[in-house]
């Protein structure tokens, strides 16, 4: 069974940066969209950012200008560069991949990002 392996979370001070990465544990056929959701304590999971196989990106308004997504198609890996982090960015960040025939979504276990002084 395919798992998504996330890395790069941690504790950072406000204004700092973190880089998350996510890759499947084995090859997935026909990857389309890759991206991230997040869930803060006591809140619902929310969309953060994604990127299609064609390179089109979509961002939540709250992260525009601060977060950047990229992907390495040869390695089926997606990266999330987070700059100018704020305490309200504190959450469990979940990677997702839409892939396969028929298409379905795969989810990571989540990586914790904590922004605090």
N, C-alpha and C. Protein backbone atom coordinates (compact mmCIF):
# COMPACT_ATOMS: atom_id res chain seq x y z
N UNK A 1 0.84 -1.19 0.00
CA UNK A 1 0.00 0.00 0.00
C UNK A 1 0.88 1.24 0.00
N UNK A 2 0.50 2.22 -0.80
CA UNK A 2 1.28 3.45 -0.91
C UNK A 2 1.06 4.32 0.31
N UNK A 3 2.15 4.84 0.86
CA UNK A 3 2.08 5.83 1.93
C UNK A 3 2.79 7.08 1.46
N UNK A 4 2.32 8.22 1.96
CA UNK A 4 3.01 9.47 1.70
C UNK A 4 3.88 9.79 2.91
N UNK A 5 5.15 10.03 2.66
CA UNK A 5 6.11 10.29 3.73
C UNK A 5 6.44 11.77 3.75
N UNK A 6 6.10 12.43 4.86
CA UNK A 6 6.33 13.87 5.02
C UNK A 6 7.53 14.11 5.92
N UNK A 7 8.21 15.22 5.70
CA UNK A 7 9.32 15.61 6.56
C UNK A 7 9.47 17.12 6.55
N UNK A 8 10.20 17.63 7.54
CA UNK A 8 10.53 19.05 7.57
C UNK A 8 9.80 19.89 8.58
N UNK A 9 8.86 19.32 9.29
CA UNK A 9 8.15 20.10 10.29
C UNK A 9 9.03 20.38 11.49
N UNK A 10 8.53 21.24 12.39
CA UNK A 10 9.29 21.55 13.59
C UNK A 10 8.83 22.82 14.24
N UNK A 11 9.66 23.31 15.15
CA UNK A 11 9.38 24.54 15.89
C UNK A 11 10.21 25.67 15.31
N UNK A 12 9.56 26.80 15.06
CA UNK A 12 10.25 27.95 14.49
C UNK A 12 9.68 29.22 15.11
N UNK A 13 10.50 30.24 15.20
CA UNK A 13 10.04 31.52 15.74
C UNK A 13 9.25 32.29 14.70
N UNK A 14 8.37 33.18 15.15
CA UNK A 14 7.65 34.02 14.18
C UNK A 14 8.62 34.75 13.26
N UNK A 15 8.27 34.78 11.98
CA UNK A 15 9.13 35.38 10.98
C UNK A 15 10.12 34.42 10.36
N UNK A 16 10.20 33.22 10.91
CA UNK A 16 11.14 32.23 10.41
C UNK A 16 10.61 31.46 9.22
N UNK A 17 11.39 30.48 8.80
CA UNK A 17 11.06 29.67 7.62
C UNK A 17 11.20 28.19 7.92
N UNK A 18 10.41 27.42 7.18
CA UNK A 18 10.51 25.96 7.20
C UNK A 18 10.24 25.46 5.80
N UNK A 19 10.79 24.29 5.50
CA UNK A 19 10.54 23.65 4.21
C UNK A 19 10.06 22.24 4.46
N UNK A 20 8.86 21.95 3.98
CA UNK A 20 8.30 20.61 4.09
C UNK A 20 8.49 19.87 2.77
N UNK A 21 8.61 18.56 2.87
CA UNK A 21 8.66 17.75 1.67
C UNK A 21 7.77 16.53 1.86
N UNK A 22 7.35 15.95 0.76
CA UNK A 22 6.44 14.80 0.79
C UNK A 22 6.67 13.96 -0.45
N UNK A 23 6.77 12.66 -0.25
CA UNK A 23 6.95 11.76 -1.37
C UNK A 23 6.27 10.44 -1.06
N UNK A 24 5.77 9.75 -2.06
CA UNK A 24 5.16 8.44 -1.83
C UNK A 24 6.23 7.39 -1.51
N UNK A 25 5.83 6.39 -0.74
CA UNK A 25 6.77 5.33 -0.34
C UNK A 25 7.17 4.45 -1.53
N UNK A 26 6.34 4.43 -2.56
CA UNK A 26 6.69 3.73 -3.79
C UNK A 26 6.01 4.45 -4.95
N UNK A 27 6.34 4.08 -6.15
CA UNK A 27 5.87 4.80 -7.32
C UNK A 27 4.34 4.76 -7.43
N UNK A 28 3.77 5.90 -7.80
CA UNK A 28 2.33 6.01 -8.06
C UNK A 28 2.15 6.36 -9.53
N UNK A 29 1.23 5.66 -10.17
CA UNK A 29 0.99 5.91 -11.59
C UNK A 29 0.16 7.18 -11.77
N UNK A 30 0.58 7.99 -12.75
CA UNK A 30 -0.22 9.11 -13.21
C UNK A 30 -0.57 10.10 -12.09
N UNK A 31 0.44 10.73 -11.51
CA UNK A 31 0.20 11.75 -10.48
C UNK A 31 -0.30 13.02 -11.13
N UNK A 32 -1.38 13.56 -10.62
CA UNK A 32 -1.94 14.80 -11.13
C UNK A 32 -1.59 15.94 -10.17
N UNK A 33 -2.39 16.14 -9.16
CA UNK A 33 -2.21 17.26 -8.25
C UNK A 33 -1.52 16.80 -6.96
N UNK A 34 -0.64 17.67 -6.45
CA UNK A 34 0.03 17.43 -5.17
C UNK A 34 -0.13 18.69 -4.34
N UNK A 35 -0.24 18.54 -3.04
CA UNK A 35 -0.41 19.74 -2.23
C UNK A 35 -0.50 19.45 -0.75
N UNK A 36 -1.02 20.49 -0.03
CA UNK A 36 -1.06 20.43 1.43
C UNK A 36 -2.36 21.01 1.97
N UNK A 37 -2.84 20.36 3.00
CA UNK A 37 -3.87 20.89 3.87
C UNK A 37 -3.25 21.04 5.25
N UNK A 38 -3.93 21.74 6.12
CA UNK A 38 -3.48 21.84 7.50
C UNK A 38 -4.66 21.85 8.46
N UNK A 39 -4.38 21.46 9.69
CA UNK A 39 -5.42 21.45 10.71
C UNK A 39 -4.84 21.96 12.02
N UNK A 40 -5.37 23.09 12.48
CA UNK A 40 -4.96 23.66 13.75
C UNK A 40 -5.82 23.07 14.86
N UNK A 41 -5.33 23.10 16.10
CA UNK A 41 -6.10 22.54 17.22
C UNK A 41 -7.48 23.18 17.31
N UNK A 42 -8.51 22.34 17.40
CA UNK A 42 -9.87 22.83 17.55
C UNK A 42 -10.50 23.38 16.28
N UNK A 43 -9.81 23.24 15.15
CA UNK A 43 -10.33 23.76 13.89
C UNK A 43 -10.44 22.66 12.85
N UNK A 44 -11.21 22.94 11.81
CA UNK A 44 -11.35 21.98 10.72
C UNK A 44 -10.11 22.01 9.82
N UNK A 45 -9.89 20.91 9.14
CA UNK A 45 -8.80 20.86 8.16
C UNK A 45 -9.10 21.85 7.05
N UNK A 46 -8.09 22.60 6.63
CA UNK A 46 -8.29 23.60 5.59
C UNK A 46 -7.23 23.46 4.50
N UNK A 47 -7.63 23.86 3.30
CA UNK A 47 -6.74 23.84 2.15
C UNK A 47 -5.66 24.90 2.32
N UNK A 48 -4.43 24.53 1.94
CA UNK A 48 -3.32 25.49 2.00
C UNK A 48 -2.84 25.84 0.59
N UNK A 49 -2.46 24.82 -0.17
CA UNK A 49 -1.78 25.08 -1.43
C UNK A 49 -1.71 23.81 -2.24
N UNK A 50 -1.73 23.93 -3.59
CA UNK A 50 -1.48 22.76 -4.41
C UNK A 50 -0.85 23.14 -5.75
N UNK A 51 -0.40 22.11 -6.45
CA UNK A 51 0.24 22.30 -7.75
C UNK A 51 -0.13 21.13 -8.65
N UNK A 52 -0.51 21.43 -9.88
CA UNK A 52 -0.89 20.39 -10.83
C UNK A 52 0.33 19.85 -11.56
N UNK A 53 0.12 18.80 -12.33
CA UNK A 53 1.23 18.25 -13.11
C UNK A 53 1.70 19.23 -14.18
N UNK A 54 0.84 20.16 -14.53
CA UNK A 54 1.21 21.18 -15.50
C UNK A 54 1.89 22.39 -14.89
N UNK A 55 1.99 22.41 -13.55
CA UNK A 55 2.65 23.51 -12.87
C UNK A 55 1.75 24.62 -12.38
N UNK A 56 0.44 24.51 -12.60
CA UNK A 56 -0.48 25.52 -12.09
C UNK A 56 -0.61 25.38 -10.58
N UNK A 57 -0.67 26.52 -9.91
CA UNK A 57 -0.73 26.51 -8.45
C UNK A 57 -1.98 27.22 -7.95
N UNK A 58 -2.40 26.85 -6.77
CA UNK A 58 -3.52 27.49 -6.11
C UNK A 58 -3.15 27.66 -4.64
N UNK A 59 -3.49 28.82 -4.08
CA UNK A 59 -3.09 29.15 -2.72
C UNK A 59 -4.29 29.61 -1.91
N UNK A 60 -4.28 29.31 -0.62
CA UNK A 60 -5.22 29.94 0.29
C UNK A 60 -4.80 31.40 0.46
N UNK A 61 -5.76 32.29 0.60
CA UNK A 61 -5.44 33.71 0.74
C UNK A 61 -4.49 33.96 1.91
N UNK A 62 -4.61 33.19 2.96
CA UNK A 62 -3.83 33.41 4.17
C UNK A 62 -2.34 33.14 3.99
N UNK A 63 -1.96 32.44 2.91
CA UNK A 63 -0.54 32.10 2.73
C UNK A 63 0.06 32.74 1.48
N UNK A 64 -0.74 33.45 0.71
CA UNK A 64 -0.23 34.07 -0.52
C UNK A 64 0.90 35.04 -0.18
N UNK A 65 1.97 34.95 -0.98
CA UNK A 65 3.11 35.82 -0.76
C UNK A 65 4.09 35.30 0.27
N UNK A 66 3.71 34.26 1.00
CA UNK A 66 4.61 33.71 2.03
C UNK A 66 4.98 32.25 1.77
N UNK A 67 4.05 31.47 1.22
CA UNK A 67 4.28 30.06 0.96
C UNK A 67 4.46 29.83 -0.53
N UNK A 68 5.36 28.92 -0.86
CA UNK A 68 5.61 28.55 -2.25
C UNK A 68 5.64 27.04 -2.37
N UNK A 69 4.99 26.52 -3.39
CA UNK A 69 4.99 25.07 -3.62
C UNK A 69 5.76 24.76 -4.90
N UNK A 70 6.44 23.63 -4.89
CA UNK A 70 7.14 23.16 -6.08
C UNK A 70 7.14 21.64 -6.06
N UNK A 71 7.47 21.06 -7.19
CA UNK A 71 7.49 19.60 -7.27
C UNK A 71 8.61 19.12 -8.16
N UNK A 72 9.11 17.94 -7.83
CA UNK A 72 10.12 17.26 -8.64
C UNK A 72 9.42 16.04 -9.21
N UNK A 73 9.01 16.14 -10.47
CA UNK A 73 8.24 15.06 -11.07
C UNK A 73 9.05 13.78 -11.23
N UNK A 74 10.35 13.91 -11.40
CA UNK A 74 11.19 12.72 -11.55
C UNK A 74 11.22 11.91 -10.26
N UNK A 75 11.08 12.60 -9.12
CA UNK A 75 11.12 11.92 -7.83
C UNK A 75 9.76 11.85 -7.16
N UNK A 76 8.73 12.34 -7.87
CA UNK A 76 7.36 12.34 -7.31
C UNK A 76 7.32 13.01 -5.94
N UNK A 77 8.07 14.08 -5.81
CA UNK A 77 8.18 14.77 -4.53
C UNK A 77 7.62 16.18 -4.64
N UNK A 78 6.92 16.60 -3.59
CA UNK A 78 6.39 17.95 -3.53
C UNK A 78 7.02 18.67 -2.34
N UNK A 79 7.30 19.96 -2.52
CA UNK A 79 7.94 20.77 -1.49
C UNK A 79 7.06 21.97 -1.15
N UNK A 80 7.07 22.32 0.12
CA UNK A 80 6.36 23.51 0.57
C UNK A 80 7.36 24.40 1.31
N UNK A 81 7.70 25.53 0.71
CA UNK A 81 8.58 26.50 1.33
C UNK A 81 7.71 27.53 2.05
N UNK A 82 7.88 27.62 3.36
CA UNK A 82 7.07 28.52 4.17
C UNK A 82 7.96 29.61 4.76
N UNK A 83 7.72 30.84 4.38
CA UNK A 83 8.48 31.98 4.86
C UNK A 83 7.57 32.91 5.67
N UNK A 84 8.20 33.78 6.42
CA UNK A 84 7.46 34.77 7.24
C UNK A 84 6.37 34.10 8.05
N UNK A 85 6.73 33.03 8.71
CA UNK A 85 5.73 32.25 9.44
C UNK A 85 5.15 33.03 10.60
N UNK A 86 3.86 32.79 10.85
CA UNK A 86 3.11 33.45 11.90
C UNK A 86 2.59 32.41 12.90
N UNK A 87 2.31 32.82 14.12
CA UNK A 87 1.76 31.85 15.09
C UNK A 87 0.49 31.16 14.57
N UNK A 88 -0.30 31.87 13.76
CA UNK A 88 -1.53 31.26 13.24
C UNK A 88 -1.27 30.22 12.16
N UNK A 89 -0.02 30.05 11.75
CA UNK A 89 0.33 28.97 10.83
C UNK A 89 0.56 27.66 11.58
N UNK A 90 0.56 27.71 12.89
CA UNK A 90 0.74 26.50 13.69
C UNK A 90 -0.38 25.51 13.40
N UNK A 91 0.02 24.31 12.99
CA UNK A 91 -0.96 23.29 12.62
C UNK A 91 -0.25 21.99 12.28
N UNK A 92 -1.05 20.96 12.11
CA UNK A 92 -0.56 19.70 11.55
C UNK A 92 -0.76 19.80 10.04
N UNK A 93 0.31 19.66 9.30
CA UNK A 93 0.27 19.83 7.85
C UNK A 93 0.21 18.46 7.18
N UNK A 94 -0.81 18.28 6.35
CA UNK A 94 -1.03 17.01 5.67
C UNK A 94 -0.74 17.15 4.18
N UNK A 95 0.10 16.28 3.68
CA UNK A 95 0.36 16.20 2.26
C UNK A 95 -0.73 15.37 1.58
N UNK A 96 -1.09 15.74 0.36
CA UNK A 96 -2.00 14.90 -0.42
C UNK A 96 -1.51 14.81 -1.86
N UNK A 97 -1.89 13.69 -2.49
CA UNK A 97 -1.56 13.45 -3.89
C UNK A 97 -2.80 12.88 -4.55
N UNK A 98 -3.17 13.43 -5.69
CA UNK A 98 -4.27 12.90 -6.50
C UNK A 98 -3.63 12.19 -7.69
N UNK A 99 -3.92 10.90 -7.80
CA UNK A 99 -3.21 10.12 -8.82
C UNK A 99 -3.96 8.84 -9.13
N UNK A 100 -3.49 8.15 -10.16
CA UNK A 100 -3.99 6.83 -10.47
C UNK A 100 -5.14 6.81 -11.45
N UNK A 101 -5.47 5.60 -11.87
CA UNK A 101 -6.61 5.36 -12.75
C UNK A 101 -7.41 4.21 -12.17
N UNK A 102 -8.64 4.44 -11.71
CA UNK A 102 -9.27 5.75 -11.59
C UNK A 102 -8.58 6.63 -10.55
N UNK A 103 -8.74 7.93 -10.72
CA UNK A 103 -8.04 8.88 -9.86
C UNK A 103 -8.56 8.80 -8.43
N UNK A 104 -7.62 8.89 -7.48
CA UNK A 104 -8.00 8.90 -6.07
C UNK A 104 -6.99 9.76 -5.32
N UNK A 105 -7.35 10.09 -4.07
CA UNK A 105 -6.48 10.91 -3.24
C UNK A 105 -5.75 10.03 -2.23
N UNK A 106 -4.47 10.33 -2.05
CA UNK A 106 -3.65 9.71 -1.03
C UNK A 106 -3.29 10.80 -0.01
N UNK A 107 -3.19 10.41 1.26
CA UNK A 107 -2.91 11.37 2.33
C UNK A 107 -1.72 10.93 3.17
N UNK A 108 -0.94 11.91 3.61
CA UNK A 108 0.12 11.64 4.56
C UNK A 108 -0.42 11.61 5.98
N UNK A 109 0.47 11.26 6.93
CA UNK A 109 0.08 11.18 8.34
C UNK A 109 0.11 12.54 9.01
N UNK A 110 0.74 13.51 8.39
CA UNK A 110 0.81 14.85 8.96
C UNK A 110 2.16 15.12 9.61
N UNK A 111 2.61 16.35 9.47
CA UNK A 111 3.84 16.78 10.13
C UNK A 111 3.53 18.09 10.86
N UNK A 112 3.99 18.19 12.11
CA UNK A 112 3.64 19.31 12.95
C UNK A 112 4.52 20.52 12.66
N UNK A 113 3.88 21.66 12.49
CA UNK A 113 4.56 22.94 12.37
C UNK A 113 4.08 23.82 13.52
N UNK A 114 5.03 24.28 14.33
CA UNK A 114 4.71 25.14 15.47
C UNK A 114 5.49 26.43 15.35
N UNK A 115 4.76 27.55 15.34
CA UNK A 115 5.39 28.86 15.24
C UNK A 115 5.17 29.57 16.57
N UNK A 116 6.25 29.74 17.30
CA UNK A 116 6.15 30.31 18.65
C UNK A 116 7.48 30.89 19.08
N UNK A 117 7.41 31.95 19.87
CA UNK A 117 8.62 32.54 20.42
C UNK A 117 8.91 31.95 21.80
